[in-house]
């Protein structure tokens, strides 16, 4: 049981939660996402659009993957055409486009999880809650989810996550907490001995036809298309936000720390 938990989630923050099995991690995440209600205390300021991805997606619904995502898009206020477009794009992004017409009940665990991740990103949530969401995903989809987390925070969204892999998004969280005996305890960020903080970041971005990089950035052509932008680490969030909020937005293929 959780006791006396106080947690502030500012816009653009990436927050990691850890703790032993049965310690209350999932309970906390479900409360943050608005799925469960605390018996005491309250949650204030939750963004209007909040998305949640559990470790295991409940796929026993009488819908195909594509129709499920399209339906959720319309629930979020998208037009039918835009909902269908984003549904197809989400499945394509996570390597599940071939299963658009497959009933959810017939999907494998891994493909179901790809649908779960796609639904969470449909409408650009202000708060994205990931409860071991990488579990069951193949390597390309895990990397794509890492990129999606970077995009969300760069665009001002808040991401809270739990993952069993201590290396998941290592070095990126703005806050790190551990649940111990029902209490939430801050974990001090540790830099391994001899490790240097990144001096700069290389961004592989693909813009709309004819677009030039914003903020006066110098760009070099990237293998396979797009451009490579190298920026100071302390400017990387601003650059990513500028690219992702451009109209039309740029597509971020990769973000690499340079030491």
Protein backbone atom coordinates (compact mmCIF):
# COMPACT_ATOMS: atom_id res chain seq x y z
CA UNK A 1 0.00 0.00 0.00
CA UNK A 2 1.27 3.46 -0.93
CA UNK A 3 1.51 6.03 1.86
CA UNK A 4 2.18 9.75 1.80
CA UNK A 5 3.21 9.83 -1.85
CA UNK A 6 3.91 13.29 -3.23
CA UNK A 7 5.09 13.64 -6.82
CA UNK A 8 5.32 16.69 -9.07
CA UNK A 9 5.35 16.10 -12.82
CA UNK A 10 6.32 19.27 -14.70
CA UNK A 11 5.76 19.57 -18.47
CA UNK A 12 8.54 18.01 -20.53
CA UNK A 13 9.82 15.86 -17.66
CA UNK A 14 10.92 12.23 -17.96
CA UNK A 15 10.43 10.40 -14.66
CA UNK A 16 11.53 6.87 -13.80
CA UNK A 17 9.86 4.83 -11.05
CA UNK A 18 11.43 1.64 -9.69
CA UNK A 19 10.85 -0.80 -6.84
CA UNK A 20 10.39 -4.46 -5.98
CA UNK A 21 7.59 -6.67 -7.27
CA UNK A 22 4.33 -5.97 -5.47
CA UNK A 23 5.68 -2.74 -4.03
CA UNK A 24 3.09 -0.49 -5.65
CA UNK A 25 4.69 0.68 -8.91
CA UNK A 26 1.73 -0.29 -11.08
CA UNK A 27 -0.73 1.10 -8.54
CA UNK A 28 1.04 4.46 -8.62
CA UNK A 29 1.12 4.53 -12.42
CA UNK A 30 -2.57 3.63 -12.68
CA UNK A 31 -3.43 6.45 -10.29
CA UNK A 32 -1.33 8.90 -12.30
CA UNK A 33 -3.05 7.81 -15.50
CA UNK A 34 -6.50 8.21 -13.96
CA UNK A 35 -7.40 4.53 -14.17
CA UNK A 36 -7.52 4.06 -10.38
CA UNK A 37 -8.54 6.59 -7.73
CA UNK A 38 -6.49 7.08 -4.54
CA UNK A 39 -8.29 6.23 -1.30
CA UNK A 40 -6.69 9.32 0.26
CA UNK A 41 -5.26 12.49 -1.22
CA UNK A 42 -5.82 13.70 -4.75
CA UNK A 43 -4.26 14.12 -8.17
CA UNK A 44 -4.32 17.69 -9.47
CA UNK A 45 -3.49 19.18 -12.85
CA UNK A 46 -3.66 15.98 -14.88
CA UNK A 47 -3.47 16.87 -18.61
CA UNK A 48 -6.67 16.49 -20.61
CA UNK A 49 -5.00 13.93 -22.84
CA UNK A 50 -3.40 11.20 -20.76
CA UNK A 51 -2.29 7.84 -22.18
CA UNK A 52 -1.34 4.60 -20.45
CA UNK A 53 0.42 1.45 -21.67
CA UNK A 54 0.32 -1.58 -19.35
CA UNK A 55 2.76 -4.48 -19.43
CA UNK A 56 0.06 -6.69 -20.94
CA UNK A 57 -2.49 -5.22 -23.30
CA UNK A 58 -6.09 -6.48 -22.83
CA UNK A 59 -6.70 -7.61 -26.40
CA UNK A 60 -10.03 -9.43 -25.95
CA UNK A 61 -12.05 -6.82 -27.87
CA UNK A 62 -14.23 -7.52 -30.94
CA UNK A 63 -12.22 -5.19 -33.19
CA UNK A 64 -9.33 -5.38 -35.59
CA UNK A 65 -6.12 -3.55 -34.74
CA UNK A 66 -6.82 -0.82 -37.29
CA UNK A 67 -10.47 -0.29 -36.34
CA UNK A 68 -9.58 -0.20 -32.64
CA UNK A 69 -7.00 2.55 -33.16
CA UNK A 70 -9.30 4.49 -35.47
CA UNK A 71 -12.11 4.28 -32.91
CA UNK A 72 -9.83 5.58 -30.15
CA UNK A 73 -8.67 8.40 -32.39
CA UNK A 74 -12.26 9.52 -32.81
CA UNK A 75 -12.79 9.27 -29.06
CA UNK A 76 -9.88 11.71 -28.73
CA UNK A 77 -11.72 14.13 -31.01
CA UNK A 78 -9.99 13.41 -34.32
CA UNK A 79 -11.98 13.30 -37.53
CA UNK A 80 -12.58 9.86 -39.01
CA UNK A 81 -10.04 10.45 -41.78
CA UNK A 82 -7.38 11.79 -39.43
CA UNK A 83 -7.99 8.98 -36.94
CA UNK A 84 -7.57 6.38 -39.69
CA UNK A 85 -4.40 8.09 -40.95
CA UNK A 86 -2.83 8.18 -37.50
CA UNK A 87 -3.88 4.59 -36.82
CA UNK A 88 -2.13 3.41 -39.99
CA UNK A 89 0.94 5.54 -39.24
CA UNK A 90 1.19 4.17 -35.70
CA UNK A 91 1.02 0.57 -36.84
CA UNK A 92 3.60 1.28 -39.55
CA UNK A 93 5.94 3.00 -37.10
CA UNK A 94 6.05 0.02 -34.75
CA UNK A 95 6.22 -2.66 -37.43
CA UNK A 96 2.62 -3.89 -37.19
CA UNK A 97 1.09 -2.53 -40.42
CA UNK A 98 0.50 -6.07 -41.71
CA UNK A 99 -1.90 -6.70 -38.82
CA UNK A 100 -4.24 -3.75 -39.37
CA UNK A 101 -7.12 -6.07 -40.32
CA UNK A 102 -6.32 -8.78 -37.79
CA UNK A 103 -8.71 -9.15 -34.83
CA UNK A 104 -7.10 -8.07 -31.58
CA UNK A 105 -7.84 -11.47 -30.04
CA UNK A 106 -5.65 -13.16 -32.68
CA UNK A 107 -2.57 -11.01 -32.19
CA UNK A 108 0.59 -12.29 -30.51
CA UNK A 109 1.74 -10.73 -27.23
CA UNK A 110 4.38 -8.69 -29.06
CA UNK A 111 2.03 -7.38 -31.73
CA UNK A 112 -0.64 -6.60 -29.14
CA UNK A 113 1.93 -4.52 -27.30
CA UNK A 114 2.73 -2.62 -30.48
CA UNK A 115 -0.97 -1.77 -30.81
CA UNK A 116 -1.01 -0.67 -27.16
CA UNK A 117 1.92 1.68 -27.74
CA UNK A 118 0.40 3.03 -30.95
CA UNK A 119 -2.88 3.83 -29.19
CA UNK A 120 -1.07 5.72 -26.46
CA UNK A 121 0.64 8.01 -28.98
CA UNK A 122 -2.39 8.61 -31.21
CA UNK A 123 -3.31 12.08 -30.01
CA UNK A 124 -0.10 13.51 -28.55
CA UNK A 125 -0.79 12.95 -24.83
CA UNK A 126 0.26 15.57 -22.33
CA UNK A 127 1.01 12.74 -19.88
CA UNK A 128 2.27 9.37 -21.10
CA UNK A 129 2.44 6.58 -18.50
CA UNK A 130 4.41 3.46 -19.44
CA UNK A 131 4.25 0.41 -17.16
CA UNK A 132 6.95 -1.90 -18.55
CA UNK A 133 5.62 -1.02 -22.00
CA UNK A 134 8.80 -2.30 -23.69
CA UNK A 135 8.10 -5.87 -22.53
CA UNK A 136 7.33 -8.13 -25.48
CA UNK A 137 8.46 -5.66 -28.14
CA UNK A 138 11.15 -6.64 -30.63
CA UNK A 139 14.37 -4.63 -30.81
CA UNK A 140 13.25 -2.19 -33.57
CA UNK A 141 9.99 -1.45 -31.75
CA UNK A 142 11.80 -0.92 -28.43
CA UNK A 143 14.13 1.57 -30.13
CA UNK A 144 11.14 3.29 -31.72
CA UNK A 145 9.45 3.61 -28.34
CA UNK A 146 12.64 5.16 -26.95
CA UNK A 147 12.47 7.71 -29.77
CA UNK A 148 8.78 8.34 -29.11
CA UNK A 149 9.55 9.10 -25.46
CA UNK A 150 12.20 11.63 -26.56
CA UNK A 151 9.72 13.23 -28.95
CA UNK A 152 7.00 13.48 -26.29
CA UNK A 153 9.20 15.21 -23.74
CA UNK A 154 10.77 17.48 -26.37
CA UNK A 155 7.24 18.52 -27.35
CA UNK A 156 6.42 19.43 -23.73
CA UNK A 157 4.68 16.20 -22.71
CA UNK A 158 5.47 14.43 -19.44
CA UNK A 159 6.48 10.76 -19.46
CA UNK A 160 6.49 8.50 -16.38
CA UNK A 161 7.81 4.99 -16.84
CA UNK A 162 8.67 1.72 -15.14
CA UNK A 163 10.95 -0.82 -16.80
CA UNK A 164 12.80 -3.87 -15.51
CA UNK A 165 15.90 -3.00 -17.58
CA UNK A 166 18.09 -0.56 -15.59
CA UNK A 167 19.69 0.58 -18.85
CA UNK A 168 16.36 1.71 -20.31
CA UNK A 169 16.69 5.43 -21.17
CA UNK A 170 19.73 5.54 -18.87
CA UNK A 171 21.05 9.03 -18.25
CA UNK A 172 17.92 10.73 -19.61
CA UNK A 173 15.37 10.92 -16.74
CA UNK A 174 14.90 14.29 -15.06
CA UNK A 175 13.76 12.53 -11.88
CA UNK A 176 14.21 9.01 -10.53
CA UNK A 177 12.21 7.58 -7.62
CA UNK A 178 12.03 4.25 -5.86
CA UNK A 179 9.08 2.83 -3.93
CA UNK A 180 10.25 1.46 -0.58
CA UNK A 181 7.79 0.21 2.06
CA UNK A 182 4.99 2.10 0.37
CA UNK A 183 6.86 5.42 0.30
CA UNK A 184 8.31 7.22 -2.72
CA UNK A 185 12.03 7.89 -2.22
CA UNK A 186 14.13 10.03 -4.61
CA UNK A 187 17.10 8.21 -6.15
CA UNK A 188 20.18 10.34 -6.66
CA UNK A 189 21.45 10.35 -10.22
CA UNK A 190 24.78 8.59 -10.44
CA UNK A 191 27.42 9.10 -13.08
CA UNK A 192 29.65 6.01 -13.51
CA UNK A 193 33.29 6.53 -12.62
CA UNK A 194 35.18 7.91 -15.58
CA UNK A 195 32.01 8.60 -17.57
CA UNK A 196 31.65 12.00 -19.17
CA UNK A 197 28.39 13.78 -19.69
CA UNK A 198 27.46 14.24 -23.35
CA UNK A 199 28.92 17.40 -24.84
CA UNK A 200 26.64 17.36 -27.85
CA UNK A 201 23.81 15.48 -29.48
CA UNK A 202 23.43 14.34 -33.08
CA UNK A 203 19.89 14.33 -34.43
CA UNK A 204 18.92 12.45 -37.61
CA UNK A 205 15.86 14.28 -38.91
CA UNK A 206 13.79 14.15 -42.07
CA UNK A 207 11.90 17.29 -42.99
CA UNK A 208 9.13 18.04 -45.45
CA UNK A 209 10.21 18.73 -49.06
CA UNK A 210 12.17 21.95 -49.36
CA UNK A 211 12.36 22.55 -45.60
CA UNK A 212 15.51 23.94 -44.02
CA UNK A 213 16.51 23.23 -40.40
CA UNK A 214 15.19 25.80 -37.92
CA UNK A 215 17.21 27.88 -35.47
CA UNK A 216 19.96 28.44 -38.04
CA UNK A 217 21.39 24.96 -37.56
CA UNK A 218 24.04 23.61 -39.91
CA UNK A 219 23.04 20.30 -41.48
CA UNK A 220 24.85 17.56 -43.34
CA UNK A 221 23.14 14.94 -45.54
CA UNK A 222 22.37 11.70 -43.72
CA UNK A 223 22.75 8.21 -45.20
CA UNK A 224 19.33 7.00 -46.28
CA UNK A 225 17.85 10.48 -46.48
CA UNK A 226 17.29 13.42 -44.20
CA UNK A 227 19.95 15.45 -42.43
CA UNK A 228 22.24 15.17 -39.43
CA UNK A 229 22.17 18.05 -36.96
CA UNK A 230 24.83 18.32 -34.25
CA UNK A 231 23.93 20.61 -31.35
CA UNK A 232 25.14 21.33 -27.82
CA UNK A 233 23.54 18.94 -25.34
CA UNK A 234 21.95 21.79 -23.39
CA UNK A 235 20.18 22.95 -26.57
CA UNK A 236 18.99 19.54 -27.71
CA UNK A 237 15.53 19.70 -26.09
CA UNK A 238 14.83 23.08 -27.67
CA UNK A 239 15.96 21.84 -31.08
CA UNK A 240 13.84 18.70 -30.88
CA UNK A 241 10.83 20.74 -29.78
CA UNK A 242 11.32 23.13 -32.71
CA UNK A 243 11.53 20.28 -35.21
CA UNK A 244 8.54 18.40 -33.82
CA UNK A 245 6.29 21.45 -33.59
CA UNK A 246 7.12 22.79 -37.07
CA UNK A 247 4.23 22.84 -39.53
CA UNK A 248 4.48 20.32 -41.06
CA UNK A 249 6.64 18.60 -38.42
CA UNK A 250 9.97 16.94 -39.02
CA UNK A 251 10.37 13.20 -38.43
CA UNK A 252 13.07 12.29 -35.89
CA UNK A 253 14.79 9.05 -36.88
CA UNK A 254 17.47 8.91 -34.20
CA UNK A 255 19.02 10.90 -31.35
CA UNK A 256 22.62 10.05 -30.41
CA UNK A 257 24.70 11.40 -27.55
CA UNK A 258 28.26 12.42 -28.47
CA UNK A 259 30.96 12.42 -25.82
